Amino acid sequence: MEEQKYTQQELLTIINQYNTLPRKIIKSNYKRILSEYNIQPKQIMDELGYGTSNVHCWSTKSSANIPMFPQALSIATAFDFDVQEFIK
């Protein structure tokens, strides 16, 4: 994938969209991303060092937890996709 470069204003807009979007949408997009990019939760834990309970909560229905924006950006960077996939 070609490297994404955003201006500060564009990045601020993405962060604001992420933080105001309903958690259900981000959670749904997270699950879609895992499937589309063939990412296993274990890869996220191993490569980025996120805890087991956090990573599993991000995809379970019983939890409202989602990756915070810096975590989403780290996942997108590590697995080579645009962070905006989380807010589609």
PDB file of N, CA and C in Angstrom:
ATOM      1  N   MET A   1       0.845  -1.178   0.000  1.00  0.00           N
ATOM      2  CA  MET A   1       0.000   0.000   0.000  1.00  0.00           C
ATOM      3  C   MET A   1       0.891   1.241   0.000  1.00  0.00           C
ATOM      4  N   GLU A   2       0.453   2.243  -0.710  1.00  0.00           N
ATOM      5  CA  GLU A   2       1.200   3.491  -0.744  1.00  0.00           C
ATOM      6  C   GLU A   2       1.071   4.197   0.605  1.00  0.00           C
ATOM      7  N   GLU A   3       2.152   4.772   1.070  1.00  0.00           N
ATOM      8  CA  GLU A   3       2.156   5.444   2.362  1.00  0.00           C
ATOM      9  C   GLU A   3       1.181   6.618   2.360  1.00  0.00           C
ATOM     10  N   GLN A   4       0.330   6.675   3.384  1.00  0.00           N
ATOM     11  CA  GLN A   4      -0.621   7.771   3.538  1.00  0.00           C
ATOM     12  C   GLN A   4       0.056   8.923   4.242  1.00  0.00           C
ATOM     13  N   LYS A   5      -0.150  10.106   3.762  1.00  0.00           N
ATOM     14  CA  LYS A   5       0.349  11.290   4.446  1.00  0.00           C
ATOM     15  C   LYS A   5      -0.812  12.247   4.602  1.00  0.00           C
ATOM     16  N   TYR A   6      -1.011  12.698   5.805  1.00  0.00           N
ATOM     17  CA  TYR A   6      -2.097  13.610   6.111  1.00  0.00           C
ATOM     18  C   TYR A   6      -1.537  14.916   6.643  1.00  0.00           C
ATOM     19  N   THR A   7      -2.224  16.002   6.324  1.00  0.00           N
ATOM     20  CA  THR A   7      -1.865  17.265   6.955  1.00  0.00           C
ATOM     21  C   THR A   7      -2.346  17.203   8.398  1.00  0.00           C
ATOM     22  N   GLN A   8      -1.889  18.101   9.206  1.00  0.00           N
ATOM     23  CA  GLN A   8      -2.336  18.139  10.605  1.00  0.00           C
ATOM     24  C   GLN A   8      -3.851  18.326  10.672  1.00  0.00           C
ATOM     25  N   GLN A   9      -4.395  19.171   9.808  1.00  0.00           N
ATOM     26  CA  GLN A   9      -5.846  19.406   9.816  1.00  0.00           C
ATOM     27  C   GLN A   9      -6.602  18.144   9.428  1.00  0.00           C
ATOM     28  N   GLU A  10      -6.114  17.424   8.419  1.00  0.00           N
ATOM     29  CA  GLU A  10      -6.765  16.178   8.009  1.00  0.00           C
ATOM     30  C   GLU A  10      -6.712  15.145   9.128  1.00  0.00           C
ATOM     31  N   LEU A  11      -5.572  15.041   9.792  1.00  0.00           N
ATOM     32  CA  LEU A  11      -5.441  14.092  10.893  1.00  0.00           C
ATOM     33  C   LEU A  11      -6.374  14.459  12.040  1.00  0.00           C
ATOM     34  N   LEU A  12      -6.471  15.731  12.344  1.00  0.00           N
ATOM     35  CA  LEU A  12      -7.383  16.184  13.394  1.00  0.00           C
ATOM     36  C   LEU A  12      -8.833  15.840  13.037  1.00  0.00           C
ATOM     37  N   THR A  13      -9.190  15.999  11.778  1.00  0.00           N
ATOM     38  CA  THR A  13     -10.541  15.661  11.326  1.00  0.00           C
ATOM     39  C   THR A  13     -10.805  14.168  11.502  1.00  0.00           C
ATOM     40  N   ILE A  14      -9.838  13.336  11.141  1.00  0.00           N
ATOM     41  CA  ILE A  14      -9.986  11.882  11.296  1.00  0.00           C
ATOM     42  C   ILE A  14     -10.137  11.518  12.768  1.00  0.00           C
ATOM     43  N   ILE A  15      -9.319  12.107  13.622  1.00  0.00           N
ATOM     44  CA  ILE A  15      -9.407  11.835  15.066  1.00  0.00           C
ATOM     45  C   ILE A  15     -10.777  12.235  15.599  1.00  0.00           C
ATOM     46  N   ASN A  16     -11.264  13.400  15.212  1.00  0.00           N
ATOM     47  CA  ASN A  16     -12.582  13.856  15.670  1.00  0.00           C
ATOM     48  C   ASN A  16     -13.691  12.944  15.173  1.00  0.00           C
ATOM     49  N   GLN A  17     -13.606  12.492  13.925  1.00  0.00           N
ATOM     50  CA  GLN A  17     -14.601  11.550  13.399  1.00  0.00           C
ATOM     51  C   GLN A  17     -14.570  10.249  14.199  1.00  0.00           C
ATOM     52  N   TYR A  18     -13.375   9.756  14.448  1.00  0.00           N
ATOM     53  CA  TYR A  18     -13.211   8.505  15.192  1.00  0.00           C
ATOM     54  C   TYR A  18     -13.824   8.635  16.582  1.00  0.00           C
ATOM     55  N   ASN A  19     -13.533   9.743  17.246  1.00  0.00           N
ATOM     56  CA  ASN A  19     -13.986   9.925  18.628  1.00  0.00           C
ATOM     57  C   ASN A  19     -15.466  10.220  18.752  1.00  0.00           C
ATOM     58  N   THR A  20     -16.127  10.622  17.669  1.00  0.00           N
ATOM     59  CA  THR A  20     -17.557  10.929  17.751  1.00  0.00           C
ATOM     60  C   THR A  20     -18.429   9.860  17.096  1.00  0.00           C
ATOM     61  N   LEU A  21     -17.826   8.925  16.387  1.00  0.00           N
ATOM     62  CA  LEU A  21     -18.576   7.854  15.748  1.00  0.00           C
ATOM     63  C   LEU A  21     -19.069   6.874  16.814  1.00  0.00           C
ATOM     64  N   PRO A  22     -20.281   6.370  16.676  1.00  0.00           N
ATOM     65  CA  PRO A  22     -20.758   5.377  17.657  1.00  0.00           C
ATOM     66  C   PRO A  22     -19.812   4.183  17.741  1.00  0.00           C
ATOM     67  N   ARG A  23     -19.598   3.736  18.963  1.00  0.00           N
ATOM     68  CA  ARG A  23     -18.681   2.614  19.209  1.00  0.00           C
ATOM     69  C   ARG A  23     -19.077   1.366  18.424  1.00  0.00           C
ATOM     70  N   LYS A  24     -20.382   1.144  18.239  1.00  0.00           N
ATOM     71  CA  LYS A  24     -20.850  -0.033  17.501  1.00  0.00           C
ATOM     72  C   LYS A  24     -20.275  -0.052  16.084  1.00  0.00           C
ATOM     73  N   ILE A  25     -20.195   1.110  15.463  1.00  0.00           N
ATOM     74  CA  ILE A  25     -19.677   1.191  14.090  1.00  0.00           C
ATOM     75  C   ILE A  25     -18.187   0.878  14.069  1.00  0.00           C
ATOM     76  N   ILE A  26     -17.451   1.450  15.001  1.00  0.00           N
ATOM     77  CA  ILE A  26     -16.012   1.172  15.048  1.00  0.00           C
ATOM     78  C   ILE A  26     -15.773  -0.308  15.347  1.00  0.00           C
ATOM     79  N   LYS A  27     -16.535  -0.869  16.269  1.00  0.00           N
ATOM     80  CA  LYS A  27     -16.391  -2.288  16.615  1.00  0.00           C
ATOM     81  C   LYS A  27     -16.697  -3.160  15.396  1.00  0.00           C
ATOM     82  N   SER A  28     -17.750  -2.823  14.675  1.00  0.00           N
ATOM     83  CA  SER A  28     -18.113  -3.561  13.474  1.00  0.00           C
ATOM     84  C   SER A  28     -17.011  -3.448  12.418  1.00  0.00           C
ATOM     85  N   ASN A  29     -16.477  -2.248  12.254  1.00  0.00           N
ATOM     86  CA  ASN A  29     -15.394  -2.051  11.291  1.00  0.00           C
ATOM     87  C   ASN A  29     -14.135  -2.801  11.713  1.00  0.00           C
ATOM     88  N   TYR A  30     -13.863  -2.832  13.001  1.00  0.00           N
ATOM     89  CA  TYR A  30     -12.705  -3.584  13.514  1.00  0.00           C
ATOM     90  C   TYR A  30     -12.830  -5.058  13.124  1.00  0.00           C
ATOM     91  N   LYS A  31     -13.999  -5.624  13.327  1.00  0.00           N
ATOM     92  CA  LYS A  31     -14.220  -7.032  12.978  1.00  0.00           C
ATOM     93  C   LYS A  31     -14.067  -7.245  11.475  1.00  0.00           C
ATOM     94  N   ARG A  32     -14.600  -6.315  10.682  1.00  0.00           N
ATOM     95  CA  ARG A  32     -14.485  -6.403   9.222  1.00  0.00           C
ATOM     96  C   ARG A  32     -13.013  -6.336   8.806  1.00  0.00           C
ATOM     97  N   ILE A  33     -12.276  -5.425   9.410  1.00  0.00           N
ATOM     98  CA  ILE A  33     -10.845  -5.269   9.106  1.00  0.00           C
ATOM     99  C   ILE A  33     -10.097  -6.565   9.398  1.00  0.00           C
ATOM    100  N   LEU A  34     -10.362  -7.178  10.547  1.00  0.00           N
ATOM    101  CA  LEU A  34      -9.692  -8.440  10.882  1.00  0.00           C
ATOM    102  C   LEU A  34      -9.940  -9.480   9.798  1.00  0.00           C
ATOM    103  N   SER A  35     -11.183  -9.551   9.342  1.00  0.00           N
ATOM    104  CA  SER A  35     -11.542 -10.521   8.317  1.00  0.00           C
ATOM    105  C   SER A  35     -10.933 -10.166   6.962  1.00  0.00           C
ATOM    106  N   GLU A  36     -11.115  -8.934   6.515  1.00  0.00           N
ATOM    107  CA  GLU A  36     -10.639  -8.520   5.192  1.00  0.00           C
ATOM    108  C   GLU A  36      -9.126  -8.582   5.051  1.00  0.00           C
ATOM    109  N   TYR A  37      -8.420  -8.230   6.102  1.00  0.00           N
ATOM    110  CA  TYR A  37      -6.961  -8.198   6.037  1.00  0.00           C
ATOM    111  C   TYR A  37      -6.319  -9.443   6.637  1.00  0.00           C
ATOM    112  N   ASN A  38      -7.169 -10.414   6.972  1.00  0.00           N
ATOM    113  CA  ASN A  38      -6.702 -11.690   7.522  1.00  0.00           C
ATOM    114  C   ASN A  38      -5.762 -11.478   8.710  1.00  0.00           C
ATOM    115  N   ILE A  39      -6.222 -10.670   9.655  1.00  0.00           N
ATOM    116  CA  ILE A  39      -5.446 -10.371  10.856  1.00  0.00           C
ATOM    117  C   ILE A  39      -6.027 -11.171  12.013  1.00  0.00           C
ATOM    118  N   GLN A  40      -5.177 -11.868  12.711  1.00  0.00           N
ATOM    119  CA  GLN A  40      -5.604 -12.614  13.886  1.00  0.00           C
ATOM    120  C   GLN A  40      -5.333 -11.768  15.135  1.00  0.00           C
ATOM    121  N   PRO A  41      -6.226 -11.817  16.127  1.00  0.00           N
ATOM    122  CA  PRO A  41      -5.984 -11.068  17.357  1.00  0.00           C
ATOM    123  C   PRO A  41      -4.605 -11.353  17.962  1.00  0.00           C
ATOM    124  N   LYS A  42      -4.156 -12.588  17.854  1.00  0.00           N
ATOM    125  CA  LYS A  42      -2.836 -12.945  18.391  1.00  0.00           C
ATOM    126  C   LYS A  42      -1.727 -12.132  17.715  1.00  0.00           C
ATOM    127  N   GLN A  43      -1.884 -11.846  16.430  1.00  0.00           N
ATOM    128  CA  GLN A  43      -0.888 -11.033  15.726  1.00  0.00           C
ATOM    129  C   GLN A  43      -0.832  -9.626  16.320  1.00  0.00           C
ATOM    130  N   ILE A  44      -1.985  -9.073  16.646  1.00  0.00           N
ATOM    131  CA  ILE A  44      -2.037  -7.736  17.236  1.00  0.00           C
ATOM    132  C   ILE A  44      -1.346  -7.752  18.598  1.00  0.00           C
ATOM    133  N   MET A  45      -1.617  -8.790  19.375  1.00  0.00           N
ATOM    134  CA  MET A  45      -0.990  -8.900  20.693  1.00  0.00           C
ATOM    135  C   MET A  45       0.521  -9.074  20.567  1.00  0.00           C
ATOM    136  N   ASP A  46       0.943  -9.969  19.666  1.00  0.00           N
ATOM    137  CA  ASP A  46       2.367 -10.267  19.519  1.00  0.00           C
ATOM    138  C   ASP A  46       3.146  -9.097  18.917  1.00  0.00           C
ATOM    139  N   GLU A  47       2.617  -8.508  17.859  1.00  0.00           N
ATOM    140  CA  GLU A  47       3.363  -7.472  17.144  1.00  0.00           C
ATOM    141  C   GLU A  47       3.301  -6.099  17.820  1.00  0.00           C
ATOM    142  N   LEU A  48       2.178  -5.815  18.492  1.00  0.00           N
ATOM    143  CA  LEU A  48       2.013  -4.481  19.067  1.00  0.00           C
ATOM    144  C   LEU A  48       2.045  -4.473  20.587  1.00  0.00           C
ATOM    145  N   GLY A  49       2.013  -5.651  21.186  1.00  0.00           N
ATOM    146  CA  GLY A  49       2.118  -5.742  22.634  1.00  0.00           C
ATOM    147  C   GLY A  49       0.857  -5.392  23.410  1.00  0.00           C
ATOM    148  N   TYR A  50      -0.284  -5.378  22.734  1.00  0.00           N
ATOM    149  CA  TYR A  50      -1.533  -5.096  23.445  1.00  0.00           C
ATOM    150  C   TYR A  50      -1.968  -6.334  24.223  1.00  0.00           C
ATOM    151  N   GLY A  51      -2.583  -6.102  25.374  1.00  0.00           N
ATOM    152  CA  GLY A  51      -2.979  -7.194  26.244  1.00  0.00           C
ATOM    153  C   GLY A  51      -4.110  -8.038  25.680  1.00  0.00           C
ATOM    154  N   THR A  52      -4.112  -9.297  26.089  1.00  0.00           N
ATOM    155  CA  THR A  52      -5.124 -10.252  25.642  1.00  0.00           C
ATOM    156  C   THR A  52      -6.535  -9.764  25.931  1.00  0.00           C
ATOM    157  N   SER A  53      -6.762  -9.292  27.151  1.00  0.00           N
ATOM    158  CA  SER A  53      -8.121  -8.867  27.502  1.00  0.00           C
ATOM    159  C   SER A  53      -8.576  -7.680  26.653  1.00  0.00           C
ATOM    160  N   ASN A  54      -7.682  -6.735  26.381  1.00  0.00           N
ATOM    161  CA  ASN A  54      -8.043  -5.594  25.534  1.00  0.00           C
ATOM    162  C   ASN A  54      -8.412  -6.047  24.129  1.00  0.00           C
ATOM    163  N   VAL A  55      -7.544  -6.813  23.518  1.00  0.00           N
ATOM    164  CA  VAL A  55      -7.749  -7.218  22.122  1.00  0.00           C
ATOM    165  C   VAL A  55      -9.025  -8.032  21.977  1.00  0.00           C
ATOM    166  N   HIS A  56      -9.292  -8.935  22.909  1.00  0.00           N
ATOM    167  CA  HIS A  56     -10.499  -9.753  22.804  1.00  0.00           C
ATOM    168  C   HIS A  56     -11.761  -8.942  23.090  1.00  0.00           C
ATOM    169  N   CYS A  57     -11.682  -7.976  23.969  1.00  0.00           N
ATOM    170  CA  CYS A  57     -12.847  -7.123  24.251  1.00  0.00           C
ATOM    171  C   CYS A  57     -13.246  -6.297  23.036  1.00  0.00           C
ATOM    172  N   TRP A  58     -12.282  -5.953  22.210  1.00  0.00           N
ATOM    173  CA  TRP A  58     -12.580  -5.138  21.037  1.00  0.00           C
ATOM    174  C   TRP A  58     -13.511  -5.841  20.060  1.00  0.00           C
ATOM    175  N   SER A  59     -13.564  -7.167  20.106  1.00  0.00           N
ATOM    176  CA  SER A  59     -14.403  -7.884  19.138  1.00  0.00           C
ATOM    177  C   SER A  59     -15.577  -8.641  19.754  1.00  0.00           C
ATOM    178  N   THR A  60     -15.729  -8.579  21.059  1.00  0.00           N
ATOM    179  CA  THR A  60     -16.845  -9.294  21.681  1.00  0.00           C
ATOM    180  C   THR A  60     -18.075  -8.402  21.810  1.00  0.00           C
ATOM    181  N   LYS A  61     -19.230  -9.025  21.657  1.00  0.00           N
ATOM    182  CA  LYS A  61     -20.493  -8.285  21.768  1.00  0.00           C
ATOM    183  C   LYS A  61     -20.748  -7.804  23.187  1.00  0.00           C
ATOM    184  N   SER A  62     -20.243  -8.537  24.166  1.00  0.00           N
ATOM    185  CA  SER A  62     -20.526  -8.223  25.566  1.00  0.00           C
ATOM    186  C   SER A  62     -19.781  -6.995  26.079  1.00  0.00           C
ATOM    187  N   SER A  63     -18.856  -6.478  25.287  1.00  0.00           N
ATOM    188  CA  SER A  63     -18.070  -5.326  25.720  1.00  0.00           C
ATOM    189  C   SER A  63     -18.253  -4.171  24.744  1.00  0.00           C
ATOM    190  N   ALA A  64     -18.301  -2.973  25.289  1.00  0.00           N
ATOM    191  CA  ALA A  64     -18.388  -1.778  24.441  1.00  0.00           C
ATOM    192  C   ALA A  64     -16.999  -1.247  24.091  1.00  0.00           C
ATOM    193  N   ASN A  65     -15.959  -1.930  24.556  1.00  0.00           N
ATOM    194  CA  ASN A  65     -14.586  -1.467  24.319  1.00  0.00           C
ATOM    195  C   ASN A  65     -14.221  -1.502  22.844  1.00  0.00           C
ATOM    196  N   ILE A  66     -13.489  -0.489  22.436  1.00  0.00           N
ATOM    197  CA  ILE A  66     -12.931  -0.401  21.089  1.00  0.00           C
ATOM    198  C   ILE A  66     -11.486   0.076  21.227  1.00  0.00           C
ATOM    199  N   PRO A  67     -10.690  -0.114  20.182  1.00  0.00           N
ATOM    200  CA  PRO A  67      -9.337   0.451  20.254  1.00  0.00           C
ATOM    201  C   PRO A  67      -9.431   1.977  20.320  1.00  0.00           C
ATOM    202  N   MET A  68      -8.636   2.585  21.170  1.00  0.00           N
ATOM    203  CA  MET A  68      -8.570   4.045  21.181  1.00  0.00           C
ATOM    204  C   MET A  68      -7.869   4.463  19.892  1.00  0.00           C
ATOM    205  N   PHE A  69      -7.996   5.724  19.494  1.00  0.00           N
ATOM    206  CA  PHE A  69      -7.450   6.129  18.203  1.00  0.00           C
ATOM    207  C   PHE A  69      -5.962   5.791  18.046  1.00  0.00           C
ATOM    208  N   PRO A  70      -5.109   6.067  19.038  1.00  0.00           N
ATOM    209  CA  PRO A  70      -3.693   5.707  18.847  1.00  0.00           C
ATOM    210  C   PRO A  70      -3.496   4.203  18.618  1.00  0.00           C
ATOM    211  N   GLN A  71      -4.315   3.374  19.261  1.00  0.00           N
ATOM    212  CA  GLN A  71      -4.232   1.931  19.049  1.00  0.00           C
ATOM    213  C   GLN A  71      -4.687   1.568  17.639  1.00  0.00           C
ATOM    214  N   ALA A  72      -5.773   2.190  17.190  1.00  0.00           N
ATOM    215  CA  ALA A  72      -6.260   1.939  15.832  1.00  0.00           C
ATOM    216  C   ALA A  72      -5.213   2.353  14.808  1.00  0.00           C
ATOM    217  N   LEU A  73      -4.575   3.484  15.038  1.00  0.00           N
ATOM    218  CA  LEU A  73      -3.538   3.956  14.130  1.00  0.00           C
ATOM    219  C   LEU A  73      -2.340   3.000  14.124  1.00  0.00           C
ATOM    220  N   SER A  74      -1.979   2.478  15.285  1.00  0.00           N
ATOM    221  CA  SER A  74      -0.881   1.504  15.372  1.00  0.00           C
ATOM    222  C   SER A  74      -1.219   0.227  14.613  1.00  0.00           C
ATOM    223  N   ILE A  75      -2.447  -0.238  14.751  1.00  0.00           N
ATOM    224  CA  ILE A  75      -2.892  -1.449  14.046  1.00  0.00           C
ATOM    225  C   ILE A  75      -2.849  -1.204  12.539  1.00  0.00           C
ATOM    226  N   ALA A  76      -3.399  -0.070  12.105  1.00  0.00           N
ATOM    227  CA  ALA A  76      -3.408   0.253  10.677  1.00  0.00           C
ATOM    228  C   ALA A  76      -1.993   0.336  10.118  1.00  0.00           C
ATOM    229  N   THR A  77      -1.102   0.942  10.859  1.00  0.00           N
ATOM    230  CA  THR A  77       0.284   1.081  10.406  1.00  0.00           C
ATOM    231  C   THR A  77       0.981  -0.276  10.348  1.00  0.00           C
ATOM    232  N   ALA A  78       0.816  -1.074  11.396  1.00  0.00           N
ATOM    233  CA  ALA A  78       1.486  -2.378  11.463  1.00  0.00           C
ATOM    234  C   ALA A  78       1.007  -3.333  10.372  1.00  0.00           C
ATOM    235  N   PHE A  79      -0.273  -3.232  10.010  1.00  0.00           N
ATOM    236  CA  PHE A  79      -0.843  -4.182   9.053  1.00  0.00           C
ATOM    237  C   PHE A  79      -1.135  -3.539   7.697  1.00  0.00           C
ATOM    238  N   ASP A  80      -0.605  -2.344   7.501  1.00  0.00           N
ATOM    239  CA  ASP A  80      -0.574  -1.693   6.192  1.00  0.00           C
ATOM    240  C   ASP A  80      -1.949  -1.434   5.569  1.00  0.00           C
ATOM    241  N   PHE A  81      -2.799  -0.741   6.319  1.00  0.00           N
ATOM    242  CA  PHE A  81      -4.051  -0.255   5.742  1.00  0.00           C
ATOM    243  C   PHE A  81      -4.320   1.134   6.303  1.00  0.00           C
ATOM    244  N   ASP A  82      -5.225   1.853   5.666  1.00  0.00           N
ATOM    245  CA  ASP A  82      -5.538   3.225   6.056  1.00  0.00           C
ATOM    246  C   ASP A  82      -6.391   3.219   7.328  1.00  0.00           C
ATOM    247  N   VAL A  83      -6.022   4.021   8.290  1.00  0.00           N
ATOM    248  CA  VAL A  83      -6.755   4.097   9.551  1.00  0.00           C
ATOM    249  C   VAL A  83      -8.221   4.483   9.337  1.00  0.00           C
ATOM    250  N   GLN A  84      -8.512   5.138   8.215  1.00  0.00           N
ATOM    251  CA  GLN A  84      -9.896   5.520   7.934  1.00  0.00           C
ATOM    252  C   GLN A  84     -10.816   4.317   7.729  1.00  0.00           C
ATOM    253  N   GLU A  85     -10.247   3.126   7.573  1.00  0.00           N
ATOM    254  CA  GLU A  85     -11.067   1.915   7.509  1.00  0.00           C
ATOM    255  C   GLU A  85     -11.919   1.770   8.778  1.00  0.00           C
ATOM    256  N   PHE A  86     -11.424   2.282   9.881  1.00  0.00           N
ATOM    257  CA  PHE A  86     -12.165   2.192  11.147  1.00  0.00           C
ATOM    258  C   PHE A  86     -13.401   3.083  11.170  1.00  0.00           C
ATOM    259  N   ILE A  87     -13.422   4.110  10.320  1.00  0.00           N
ATOM    260  CA  ILE A  87     -14.542   5.065  10.394  1.00  0.00           C
ATOM    261  C   ILE A  87     -15.431   5.064   9.154  1.00  0.00           C
ATOM    262  N   LYS A  88     -15.298   4.065   8.315  1.00  0.00           N
ATOM    263  CA  LYS A  88     -16.125   3.969   7.106  1.00  0.00           C
ATOM    264  C   LYS A  88     -17.573   3.729   7.464  1.00  0.00           C
TER     265      LYS A  88
END
